[in-house]
Amino acid sequence: MSKSTTKKIYIFGILGLIATIGVGVGEFLLHYSPNGIGYDSDNFEFFNQISLQRLTLGHFIAVSFTPFYIAGYYHLYLVFKDKNPKTAMAIFALGIIAFMIGGMWISSRAQLGYLVHKIAEFPNDTALQSLVQTYKSHAEILVKSLRIWIAAISVLFVIPILKGKTIYPKWMAIFNPLFILLAILGIYKLIPPVGYVIGPIAMNVVHFIIFSISLLIIKTKQR
């Protein structure tokens, strides 16, 4: 791997880390509820624990940093492309699709939060309550779509690593997006105090781990 390519890998990997931190902070502000109050409700009652000011701040921080995820996936493209050019391009393309969808979803959360506050203010307004159902059909479904794309990326990520066709050691296959996401969901169920913190920002934690380990491996290889 040339020095110029290595430099690019580092730069785009760091930009990916910036994405995970920036969007993670924004999403934490949008979603964190002490003690997980209302997380399991069908009507998003946890937003009542979050001030309108926090919703606005979280919205702009999360939306501003979401495009940096494209840089993070370009980092993975550069890592895979020498021995797996088609797989590398597929991972990059699916990453862009996934985080375009994720960006649309995250940009809707503050508006949903405001709606939930209004429902709490006017609990007998059936028109407001029907808007929550509309949100589920048009926006909440996006996050389910995002998980499907992440699962596809995980398969493409794992196969060449297990075949020994990347600069990653084979154990890196464990740290694929889907496995880490499932581990976080497990922590959410088994260790609620920790789960309440990392659960609302799960996808950002997933990618923070991947980009961090990736950069550490490449740095070790270069040495």
C-alpha atoms as a PDB file:
ATOM      1  CA  MET A   1       0.000   0.000   0.000  1.00  0.00           C
ATOM      2  CA  SER A   2       1.505   3.342  -1.071  1.00  0.00           C
ATOM      3  CA  LYS A   3       2.112   6.209   1.344  1.00  0.00           C
ATOM      4  CA  SER A   4      -0.420   8.392  -0.470  1.00  0.00           C
ATOM      5  CA  THR A   5      -3.101   5.704  -0.186  1.00  0.00           C
ATOM      6  CA  THR A   6      -2.302   5.180   3.487  1.00  0.00           C
ATOM      7  CA  LYS A   7      -2.584   8.907   4.084  1.00  0.00           C
ATOM      8  CA  LYS A   8      -5.989   8.962   2.387  1.00  0.00           C
ATOM      9  CA  ILE A   9      -7.122   6.001   4.477  1.00  0.00           C
ATOM     10  CA  TYR A  10      -6.148   7.820   7.667  1.00  0.00           C
ATOM     11  CA  ILE A  11      -7.805  11.084   6.639  1.00  0.00           C
ATOM     12  CA  PHE A  12     -11.095   9.512   5.626  1.00  0.00           C
ATOM     13  CA  GLY A  13     -11.047   7.196   8.641  1.00  0.00           C
ATOM     14  CA  ILE A  14     -10.692  10.187  10.942  1.00  0.00           C
ATOM     15  CA  LEU A  15     -13.528  11.939   9.116  1.00  0.00           C
ATOM     16  CA  GLY A  16     -15.601   8.817   9.703  1.00  0.00           C
ATOM     17  CA  LEU A  17     -14.807   9.001  13.414  1.00  0.00           C
ATOM     18  CA  ILE A  18     -15.863  12.653  13.413  1.00  0.00           C
ATOM     19  CA  ALA A  19     -19.182  11.526  11.894  1.00  0.00           C
ATOM     20  CA  THR A  20     -19.759   8.976  14.654  1.00  0.00           C
ATOM     21  CA  ILE A  21     -19.004  11.507  17.384  1.00  0.00           C
ATOM     22  CA  GLY A  22     -20.927  14.416  15.852  1.00  0.00           C
ATOM     23  CA  VAL A  23     -24.035  12.459  14.913  1.00  0.00           C
ATOM     24  CA  GLY A  24     -23.761  10.523  18.176  1.00  0.00           C
ATOM     25  CA  VAL A  25     -23.828  13.726  20.230  1.00  0.00           C
ATOM     26  CA  GLY A  26     -26.764  15.051  18.215  1.00  0.00           C
ATOM     27  CA  GLU A  27     -28.712  11.811  18.451  1.00  0.00           C
ATOM     28  CA  PHE A  28     -27.988  11.537  22.180  1.00  0.00           C
ATOM     29  CA  LEU A  29     -29.475  14.996  22.679  1.00  0.00           C
ATOM     30  CA  LEU A  30     -32.486  13.994  20.595  1.00  0.00           C
ATOM     31  CA  HIS A  31     -33.145  10.630  22.213  1.00  0.00           C
ATOM     32  CA  TYR A  32     -31.598  10.149  25.647  1.00  0.00           C
ATOM     33  CA  SER A  33     -34.157   9.650  28.395  1.00  0.00           C
ATOM     34  CA  PRO A  34     -33.032   9.141  32.008  1.00  0.00           C
ATOM     35  CA  ASN A  35     -33.842   5.614  33.185  1.00  0.00           C
ATOM     36  CA  GLY A  36     -35.142   4.776  29.705  1.00  0.00           C
ATOM     37  CA  ILE A  37     -38.539   6.270  30.500  1.00  0.00           C
ATOM     38  CA  GLY A  38     -40.858   5.759  27.516  1.00  0.00           C
ATOM     39  CA  TYR A  39     -38.303   4.002  25.269  1.00  0.00           C
ATOM     40  CA  ASP A  40     -40.544   0.969  24.784  1.00  0.00           C
ATOM     41  CA  SER A  41     -43.712   2.950  24.179  1.00  0.00           C
ATOM     42  CA  ASP A  42     -45.388   2.778  20.770  1.00  0.00           C
ATOM     43  CA  ASN A  43     -46.090   6.503  20.877  1.00  0.00           C
ATOM     44  CA  PHE A  44     -42.559   7.779  21.592  1.00  0.00           C
ATOM     45  CA  GLU A  45     -43.383   9.134  25.068  1.00  0.00           C
ATOM     46  CA  PHE A  46     -39.669   9.369  25.904  1.00  0.00           C
ATOM     47  CA  PHE A  47     -39.633  12.656  23.982  1.00  0.00           C
ATOM     48  CA  ASN A  48     -41.589  14.192  26.846  1.00  0.00           C
ATOM     49  CA  GLN A  49     -38.417  13.834  28.948  1.00  0.00           C
ATOM     50  CA  ILE A  50     -36.484  15.958  26.445  1.00  0.00           C
ATOM     51  CA  SER A  51     -36.752  19.734  26.338  1.00  0.00           C
ATOM     52  CA  LEU A  52     -37.615  21.519  23.104  1.00  0.00           C
ATOM     53  CA  GLN A  53     -34.263  23.308  23.270  1.00  0.00           C
ATOM     54  CA  ARG A  54     -32.448  19.965  23.397  1.00  0.00           C
ATOM     55  CA  LEU A  55     -34.454  18.718  20.431  1.00  0.00           C
ATOM     56  CA  THR A  56     -33.479  21.725  18.342  1.00  0.00           C
ATOM     57  CA  LEU A  57     -29.803  21.556  19.295  1.00  0.00           C
ATOM     58  CA  GLY A  58     -29.635  17.803  18.738  1.00  0.00           C
ATOM     59  CA  HIS A  59     -31.328  18.135  15.358  1.00  0.00           C
ATOM     60  CA  PHE A  60     -28.836  20.601  13.937  1.00  0.00           C
ATOM     61  CA  ILE A  61     -25.787  18.799  15.329  1.00  0.00           C
ATOM     62  CA  ALA A  62     -26.889  15.383  14.014  1.00  0.00           C
ATOM     63  CA  VAL A  63     -27.901  16.655  10.580  1.00  0.00           C
ATOM     64  CA  SER A  64     -24.688  18.661  10.190  1.00  0.00           C
ATOM     65  CA  PHE A  65     -22.401  15.682  10.792  1.00  0.00           C
ATOM     66  CA  THR A  66     -24.343  12.968   8.931  1.00  0.00           C
ATOM     67  CA  PRO A  67     -22.620  13.622   5.540  1.00  0.00           C
ATOM     68  CA  PHE A  68     -19.253  12.783   7.156  1.00  0.00           C
ATOM     69  CA  TYR A  69     -20.358   9.148   7.173  1.00  0.00           C
ATOM     70  CA  ILE A  70     -19.743   9.076   3.425  1.00  0.00           C
ATOM     71  CA  ALA A  71     -16.083   9.796   4.171  1.00  0.00           C
ATOM     72  CA  GLY A  72     -16.051   6.927   6.665  1.00  0.00           C
ATOM     73  CA  TYR A  73     -17.332   4.529   4.051  1.00  0.00           C
ATOM     74  CA  TYR A  74     -14.802   5.833   1.569  1.00  0.00           C
ATOM     75  CA  HIS A  75     -12.210   4.824   4.170  1.00  0.00           C
ATOM     76  CA  LEU A  76     -13.557   1.265   4.015  1.00  0.00           C
ATOM     77  CA  TYR A  77     -13.582   1.424   0.217  1.00  0.00           C
ATOM     78  CA  LEU A  78      -9.878   2.294   0.209  1.00  0.00           C
ATOM     79  CA  VAL A  79      -9.127  -0.527   2.651  1.00  0.00           C
ATOM     80  CA  PHE A  80     -10.883  -3.166   0.542  1.00  0.00           C
ATOM     81  CA  LYS A  81     -10.274  -1.977  -3.009  1.00  0.00           C
ATOM     82  CA  ASP A  82      -6.799  -3.414  -3.738  1.00  0.00           C
ATOM     83  CA  LYS A  83      -7.802  -7.078  -3.480  1.00  0.00           C
ATOM     84  CA  ASN A  84     -11.596  -6.741  -3.604  1.00  0.00           C
ATOM     85  CA  PRO A  85     -12.479  -3.826  -5.933  1.00  0.00           C
ATOM     86  CA  LYS A  86     -16.066  -4.935  -6.605  1.00  0.00           C
ATOM     87  CA  THR A  87     -16.758  -5.650  -2.939  1.00  0.00           C
ATOM     88  CA  ALA A  88     -15.176  -2.329  -1.992  1.00  0.00           C
ATOM     89  CA  MET A  89     -17.421  -0.440  -4.405  1.00  0.00           C
ATOM     90  CA  ALA A  90     -20.488  -2.328  -3.168  1.00  0.00           C
ATOM     91  CA  ILE A  91     -19.695  -1.483   0.471  1.00  0.00           C
ATOM     92  CA  PHE A  92     -19.163   2.166  -0.442  1.00  0.00           C
ATOM     93  CA  ALA A  93     -22.384   2.360  -2.482  1.00  0.00           C
ATOM     94  CA  LEU A  94     -24.478   0.633   0.173  1.00  0.00           C
ATOM     95  CA  GLY A  95     -22.919   2.850   2.849  1.00  0.00           C
ATOM     96  CA  ILE A  96     -23.986   5.961   0.945  1.00  0.00           C
ATOM     97  CA  ILE A  97     -27.510   4.593   0.492  1.00  0.00           C
ATOM     98  CA  ALA A  98     -27.741   3.589   4.155  1.00  0.00           C
ATOM     99  CA  PHE A  99     -26.701   6.964   5.500  1.00  0.00           C
ATOM    100  CA  MET A 100     -28.774   8.959   3.036  1.00  0.00           C
ATOM    101  CA  ILE A 101     -31.735   7.034   4.450  1.00  0.00           C
ATOM    102  CA  GLY A 102     -30.373   7.485   7.978  1.00  0.00           C
ATOM    103  CA  GLY A 103     -29.987  11.211   7.384  1.00  0.00           C
ATOM    104  CA  MET A 104     -33.615  11.512   6.273  1.00  0.00           C
ATOM    105  CA  TRP A 105     -34.698   9.609   9.373  1.00  0.00           C
ATOM    106  CA  ILE A 106     -32.593  11.598  11.839  1.00  0.00           C
ATOM    107  CA  SER A 107     -33.817  14.872  10.319  1.00  0.00           C
ATOM    108  CA  SER A 108     -37.396  13.890  11.228  1.00  0.00           C
ATOM    109  CA  ARG A 109     -36.812  13.224  14.912  1.00  0.00           C
ATOM    110  CA  ALA A 110     -37.009  16.766  16.254  1.00  0.00           C
ATOM    111  CA  GLN A 111     -40.343  17.312  14.497  1.00  0.00           C
ATOM    112  CA  LEU A 112     -41.612  14.074  16.028  1.00  0.00           C
ATOM    113  CA  GLY A 113     -40.433  15.232  19.430  1.00  0.00           C
ATOM    114  CA  TYR A 114     -42.334  18.508  19.067  1.00  0.00           C
ATOM    115  CA  LEU A 115     -45.425  16.537  18.048  1.00  0.00           C
ATOM    116  CA  VAL A 116     -45.185  14.315  21.138  1.00  0.00           C
ATOM    117  CA  HIS A 117     -44.939  17.423  23.332  1.00  0.00           C
ATOM    118  CA  LYS A 118     -48.081  18.809  21.681  1.00  0.00           C
ATOM    119  CA  ILE A 119     -49.952  15.552  22.280  1.00  0.00           C
ATOM    120  CA  ALA A 120     -49.016  15.747  25.962  1.00  0.00           C
ATOM    121  CA  GLU A 121     -50.373  19.308  25.982  1.00  0.00           C
ATOM    122  CA  PHE A 122     -53.592  18.327  24.182  1.00  0.00           C
ATOM    123  CA  PRO A 123     -54.109  14.609  25.020  1.00  0.00           C
ATOM    124  CA  ASN A 124     -57.658  14.492  23.641  1.00  0.00           C
ATOM    125  CA  ASP A 125     -56.735  15.794  20.200  1.00  0.00           C
ATOM    126  CA  THR A 126     -57.191  12.754  17.967  1.00  0.00           C
ATOM    127  CA  ALA A 127     -55.846  14.596  14.929  1.00  0.00           C
ATOM    128  CA  LEU A 128     -52.458  15.026  16.639  1.00  0.00           C
ATOM    129  CA  GLN A 129     -52.420  11.373  17.657  1.00  0.00           C
ATOM    130  CA  SER A 130     -53.144  10.274  14.085  1.00  0.00           C
ATOM    131  CA  LEU A 131     -50.029  12.148  12.965  1.00  0.00           C
ATOM    132  CA  VAL A 132     -47.916   9.765  15.054  1.00  0.00           C
ATOM    133  CA  GLN A 133     -49.299   6.837  13.063  1.00  0.00           C
ATOM    134  CA  THR A 134     -48.552   8.707   9.852  1.00  0.00           C
ATOM    135  CA  TYR A 135     -44.997   9.240  11.072  1.00  0.00           C
ATOM    136  CA  LYS A 136     -44.568   5.519  11.728  1.00  0.00           C
ATOM    137  CA  SER A 137     -45.706   4.683   8.201  1.00  0.00           C
ATOM    138  CA  HIS A 138     -43.586   7.285   6.423  1.00  0.00           C
ATOM    139  CA  ALA A 139     -40.505   7.957   8.569  1.00  0.00           C
ATOM    140  CA  GLU A 140     -40.026   5.340  11.281  1.00  0.00           C
ATOM    141  CA  ILE A 141     -39.965   2.669   8.597  1.00  0.00           C
ATOM    142  CA  LEU A 142     -36.764   4.269   7.286  1.00  0.00           C
ATOM    143  CA  VAL A 143     -34.743   3.077  10.274  1.00  0.00           C
ATOM    144  CA  LYS A 144     -35.895  -0.483   9.583  1.00  0.00           C
ATOM    145  CA  SER A 145     -34.708  -0.080   6.006  1.00  0.00           C
ATOM    146  CA  LEU A 146     -31.376   1.214   7.299  1.00  0.00           C
ATOM    147  CA  ARG A 147     -30.872  -1.987   9.298  1.00  0.00           C
ATOM    148  CA  ILE A 148     -31.395  -4.089   6.152  1.00  0.00           C
ATOM    149  CA  TRP A 149     -28.685  -2.151   4.304  1.00  0.00           C
ATOM    150  CA  ILE A 150     -26.359  -2.494   7.290  1.00  0.00           C
ATOM    151  CA  ALA A 151     -26.943  -6.257   7.295  1.00  0.00           C
ATOM    152  CA  ALA A 152     -26.010  -6.387   3.589  1.00  0.00           C
ATOM    153  CA  ILE A 153     -22.860  -4.339   4.256  1.00  0.00           C
ATOM    154  CA  SER A 154     -21.943  -6.728   7.074  1.00  0.00           C
ATOM    155  CA  VAL A 155     -22.049  -9.748   4.742  1.00  0.00           C
ATOM    156  CA  LEU A 156     -19.816  -7.970   2.205  1.00  0.00           C
ATOM    157  CA  PHE A 157     -17.502  -6.929   5.045  1.00  0.00           C
ATOM    158  CA  VAL A 158     -17.100 -10.398   6.546  1.00  0.00           C
ATOM    159  CA  ILE A 159     -16.554 -12.633   3.506  1.00  0.00           C
ATOM    160  CA  PRO A 160     -13.261 -11.177   2.164  1.00  0.00           C
ATOM    161  CA  ILE A 161     -11.866 -10.812   5.690  1.00  0.00           C
ATOM    162  CA  LEU A 162     -12.482 -14.490   6.461  1.00  0.00           C
ATOM    163  CA  LYS A 163     -10.913 -15.432   3.129  1.00  0.00           C
ATOM    164  CA  GLY A 164      -7.779 -13.504   4.103  1.00  0.00           C
ATOM    165  CA  LYS A 165      -8.119 -11.099   1.179  1.00  0.00           C
ATOM    166  CA  THR A 166      -7.781  -7.865   3.143  1.00  0.00           C
ATOM    167  CA  ILE A 167      -5.183  -6.165   5.313  1.00  0.00           C
ATOM    168  CA  TYR A 168      -7.392  -6.927   8.308  1.00  0.00           C
ATOM    169  CA  PRO A 169      -6.696  -9.971  10.478  1.00  0.00           C
ATOM    170  CA  LYS A 170      -9.474 -12.555  10.367  1.00  0.00           C
ATOM    171  CA  TRP A 171     -10.694 -11.650  13.860  1.00  0.00           C
ATOM    172  CA  MET A 172     -11.812  -8.294  12.445  1.00  0.00           C
ATOM    173  CA  ALA A 173     -14.762 -10.153  10.900  1.00  0.00           C
ATOM    174  CA  ILE A 174     -16.305 -10.254  14.384  1.00  0.00           C
ATOM    175  CA  PHE A 175     -16.446  -6.470  14.396  1.00  0.00           C
ATOM    176  CA  ASN A 176     -18.897  -6.206  11.536  1.00  0.00           C
ATOM    177  CA  PRO A 177     -21.765  -3.705  11.843  1.00  0.00           C
ATOM    178  CA  LEU A 178     -24.547  -6.247  12.348  1.00  0.00           C
ATOM    179  CA  PHE A 179     -22.762  -8.210  15.084  1.00  0.00           C
ATOM    180  CA  ILE A 180     -21.864  -5.050  17.018  1.00  0.00           C
ATOM    181  CA  LEU A 181     -25.426  -3.737  16.672  1.00  0.00           C
ATOM    182  CA  LEU A 182     -26.839  -7.007  18.033  1.00  0.00           C
ATOM    183  CA  ALA A 183     -24.338  -6.857  20.909  1.00  0.00           C
ATOM    184  CA  ILE A 184     -25.525  -3.342  21.769  1.00  0.00           C
ATOM    185  CA  LEU A 185     -29.145  -4.493  21.719  1.00  0.00           C
ATOM    186  CA  GLY A 186     -28.133  -7.327  24.049  1.00  0.00           C
ATOM    187  CA  ILE A 187     -26.479  -4.866  26.430  1.00  0.00           C
ATOM    188  CA  TYR A 188     -29.642  -2.749  26.310  1.00  0.00           C
ATOM    189  CA  LYS A 189     -31.670  -5.717  27.547  1.00  0.00           C
ATOM    190  CA  LEU A 190     -29.157  -7.193  30.008  1.00  0.00           C
ATOM    191  CA  ILE A 191     -27.528  -4.056  31.456  1.00  0.00           C
ATOM    192  CA  PRO A 192     -30.197  -1.328  31.247  1.00  0.00           C
ATOM    193  CA  PRO A 193     -28.157   1.513  32.856  1.00  0.00           C
ATOM    194  CA  VAL A 194     -25.532   1.121  30.119  1.00  0.00           C
ATOM    195  CA  GLY A 195     -28.103   0.311  27.448  1.00  0.00           C
ATOM    196  CA  TYR A 196     -30.053   3.512  28.115  1.00  0.00           C
ATOM    197  CA  VAL A 197     -26.914   5.494  27.242  1.00  0.00           C
ATOM    198  CA  ILE A 198     -25.632   3.631  24.188  1.00  0.00           C
ATOM    199  CA  GLY A 199     -28.982   2.341  22.872  1.00  0.00           C
ATOM    200  CA  PRO A 200     -30.197   5.707  21.532  1.00  0.00           C
ATOM    201  CA  ILE A 201     -26.940   6.166  19.593  1.00  0.00           C
ATOM    202  CA  ALA A 202     -26.382   2.513  18.680  1.00  0.00           C
ATOM    203  CA  MET A 203     -25.491   2.952  15.009  1.00  0.00           C
ATOM    204  CA  ASN A 204     -22.935   5.615  15.885  1.00  0.00           C
ATOM    205  CA  VAL A 205     -21.344   3.373  18.513  1.00  0.00           C
ATOM    206  CA  VAL A 206     -21.189   0.586  15.916  1.00  0.00           C
ATOM    207  CA  HIS A 207     -19.270   2.709  13.436  1.00  0.00           C
ATOM    208  CA  PHE A 208     -17.065   4.342  16.056  1.00  0.00           C
ATOM    209  CA  ILE A 209     -15.833   0.855  16.994  1.00  0.00           C
ATOM    210  CA  ILE A 210     -15.302  -0.183  13.363  1.00  0.00           C
ATOM    211  CA  PHE A 211     -13.454   2.961  12.263  1.00  0.00           C
ATOM    212  CA  SER A 212     -11.333   3.026  15.430  1.00  0.00           C
ATOM    213  CA  ILE A 213     -10.229  -0.599  15.135  1.00  0.00           C
ATOM    214  CA  SER A 214      -9.637  -0.183  11.403  1.00  0.00           C
ATOM    215  CA  LEU A 215      -7.315   2.769  11.957  1.00  0.00           C
ATOM    216  CA  LEU A 216      -5.441   0.963  14.724  1.00  0.00           C
ATOM    217  CA  ILE A 217      -4.898  -2.110  12.523  1.00  0.00           C
ATOM    218  CA  ILE A 218      -3.630  -0.022   9.617  1.00  0.00           C
ATOM    219  CA  LYS A 219      -1.307   1.921  11.895  1.00  0.00           C
ATOM    220  CA  THR A 220       0.075  -1.352  13.290  1.00  0.00           C
ATOM    221  CA  LYS A 221       0.558  -2.784   9.784  1.00  0.00           C
ATOM    222  CA  GLN A 222       2.468   0.280   8.681  1.00  0.00           C
ATOM    223  CA  ARG A 223       4.821  -0.029  11.628  1.00  0.00           C
END
